[in-house]
C-alpha cells in the first residue's frame, strides 16, 4: 500500500525534475537479484544513483515536500 501511495508523488517529482532526475520503478517480486544487490529489505525503498552508484537511500513513503527536501539535502536535486 505505501508503494501505491507514493506513486503519484514520484510521478509529480519526475515531471517537475525531468531535466535533472529520472524516476524508475522496479518490481521487487520480479527482480529479486536487484533487491539483493542493493540490500533492499522492505518496500518502498527509494534510492538515488549518480554515475551508476547509489548515493542516497530511504525506506518508507514520504510527503512530496519532505521527499524533495531530503533529495535536495543529499545533493541529488
C-alpha atoms as a PDB file:
ATOM      1  CA  UNK A   1       0.000   0.000   0.000  1.00  0.00           C
ATOM      2  CA  UNK A   2       2.725   2.590   0.757  1.00  0.00           C
ATOM      3  CA  UNK A   3       4.174   1.999  -2.713  1.00  0.00           C
ATOM      4  CA  UNK A   4       0.846   2.870  -4.300  1.00  0.00           C
ATOM      5  CA  UNK A   5       0.515   5.972  -2.131  1.00  0.00           C
ATOM      6  CA  UNK A   6       3.975   7.103  -3.180  1.00  0.00           C
ATOM      7  CA  UNK A   7       3.444   6.602  -6.927  1.00  0.00           C
ATOM      8  CA  UNK A   8       1.623   9.922  -7.571  1.00  0.00           C
ATOM      9  CA  UNK A   9       4.244  11.835  -5.557  1.00  0.00           C
ATOM     10  CA  UNK A  10       7.069  10.289  -7.553  1.00  0.00           C
ATOM     11  CA  UNK A  11       5.180  10.998 -10.787  1.00  0.00           C
ATOM     12  CA  UNK A  12       4.938  14.687  -9.912  1.00  0.00           C
ATOM     13  CA  UNK A  13       8.615  14.884  -8.984  1.00  0.00           C
ATOM     14  CA  UNK A  14       9.566  13.059 -12.201  1.00  0.00           C
ATOM     15  CA  UNK A  15       7.645  15.597 -14.292  1.00  0.00           C
ATOM     16  CA  UNK A  16       8.918  18.628 -12.395  1.00  0.00           C
ATOM     17  CA  UNK A  17      12.556  17.500 -12.345  1.00  0.00           C
ATOM     18  CA  UNK A  18      12.678  15.772 -15.743  1.00  0.00           C
ATOM     19  CA  UNK A  19      15.843  17.604 -16.766  1.00  0.00           C
ATOM     20  CA  UNK A  20      17.735  16.662 -13.600  1.00  0.00           C
ATOM     21  CA  UNK A  21      16.235  13.427 -12.356  1.00  0.00           C
ATOM     22  CA  UNK A  22      14.941  10.201 -13.884  1.00  0.00           C
ATOM     23  CA  UNK A  23      12.461   8.202 -11.805  1.00  0.00           C
ATOM     24  CA  UNK A  24      12.143   4.459 -12.395  1.00  0.00           C
ATOM     25  CA  UNK A  25      10.229   1.754 -10.569  1.00  0.00           C
ATOM     26  CA  UNK A  26      11.465  -1.791 -10.000  1.00  0.00           C
ATOM     27  CA  UNK A  27       9.092  -4.642  -9.190  1.00  0.00           C
ATOM     28  CA  UNK A  28      10.900  -6.392  -6.329  1.00  0.00           C
ATOM     29  CA  UNK A  29       8.942  -9.604  -6.844  1.00  0.00           C
ATOM     30  CA  UNK A  30      10.073  -9.876 -10.452  1.00  0.00           C
ATOM     31  CA  UNK A  31      13.638  -8.653  -9.823  1.00  0.00           C
ATOM     32  CA  UNK A  32      14.899 -10.385  -6.669  1.00  0.00           C
ATOM     33  CA  UNK A  33      18.526 -10.182  -7.826  1.00  0.00           C
ATOM     34  CA  UNK A  34      18.302  -6.375  -7.867  1.00  0.00           C
ATOM     35  CA  UNK A  35      16.866  -6.238  -4.353  1.00  0.00           C
ATOM     36  CA  UNK A  36      19.659  -8.475  -3.075  1.00  0.00           C
ATOM     37  CA  UNK A  37      22.353  -6.495  -4.901  1.00  0.00           C
ATOM     38  CA  UNK A  38      21.263  -3.237  -3.247  1.00  0.00           C
ATOM     39  CA  UNK A  39      20.255  -4.650   0.127  1.00  0.00           C
ATOM     40  CA  UNK A  40      16.571  -3.790  -0.161  1.00  0.00           C
ATOM     41  CA  UNK A  41      14.817  -5.384   2.807  1.00  0.00           C
ATOM     42  CA  UNK A  42      11.471  -3.575   2.780  1.00  0.00           C
ATOM     43  CA  UNK A  43       9.334  -1.502   0.471  1.00  0.00           C
ATOM     44  CA  UNK A  44       9.082   1.159  -0.569  1.00  0.00           C
ATOM     45  CA  UNK A  45      12.811   1.755  -0.712  1.00  0.00           C
ATOM     46  CA  UNK A  46      13.846   4.869  -2.606  1.00  0.00           C
ATOM     47  CA  UNK A  47      17.361   5.154  -3.973  1.00  0.00           C
ATOM     48  CA  UNK A  48      19.199   7.810  -5.935  1.00  0.00           C
ATOM     49  CA  UNK A  49      22.143   6.947  -8.152  1.00  0.00           C
ATOM     50  CA  UNK A  50      24.930   9.054  -9.579  1.00  0.00           C
ATOM     51  CA  UNK A  51      27.244   7.572 -12.210  1.00  0.00           C
ATOM     52  CA  UNK A  52      25.679   4.161 -11.597  1.00  0.00           C
ATOM     53  CA  UNK A  53      26.383   4.147  -7.864  1.00  0.00           C
ATOM     54  CA  UNK A  54      23.841   4.630  -5.061  1.00  0.00           C
ATOM     55  CA  UNK A  55      24.308   7.977  -3.299  1.00  0.00           C
ATOM     56  CA  UNK A  56      21.093   8.164  -1.245  1.00  0.00           C
ATOM     57  CA  UNK A  57      18.590   5.691   0.158  1.00  0.00           C
ATOM     58  CA  UNK A  58      15.494   5.912   2.336  1.00  0.00           C
ATOM     59  CA  UNK A  59      12.786   3.440   3.318  1.00  0.00           C
ATOM     60  CA  UNK A  60       9.125   4.373   3.590  1.00  0.00           C
ATOM     61  CA  UNK A  61       6.616   6.677   1.990  1.00  0.00           C
ATOM     62  CA  UNK A  62       7.119  10.425   2.264  1.00  0.00           C
ATOM     63  CA  UNK A  63       5.070  13.509   1.549  1.00  0.00           C
ATOM     64  CA  UNK A  64       6.254  15.332  -1.560  1.00  0.00           C
ATOM     65  CA  UNK A  65       7.658  18.330   0.314  1.00  0.00           C
ATOM     66  CA  UNK A  66       9.649  16.126   2.695  1.00  0.00           C
ATOM     67  CA  UNK A  67      10.939  13.903  -0.102  1.00  0.00           C
ATOM     68  CA  UNK A  68      12.074  16.866  -2.213  1.00  0.00           C
ATOM     69  CA  UNK A  69      13.757  18.367   0.861  1.00  0.00           C
ATOM     70  CA  UNK A  70      15.617  15.132   1.531  1.00  0.00           C
ATOM     71  CA  UNK A  71      16.734  14.873  -2.103  1.00  0.00           C
ATOM     72  CA  UNK A  72      17.960  18.474  -2.008  1.00  0.00           C
ATOM     73  CA  UNK A  73      19.734  17.903   1.299  1.00  0.00           C
ATOM     74  CA  UNK A  74      21.516  14.887  -0.144  1.00  0.00           C
ATOM     75  CA  UNK A  75      22.631  16.884  -3.186  1.00  0.00           C
ATOM     76  CA  UNK A  76      20.515  14.818  -5.561  1.00  0.00           C
ATOM     77  CA  UNK A  77      18.445  17.829  -6.655  1.00  0.00           C
END
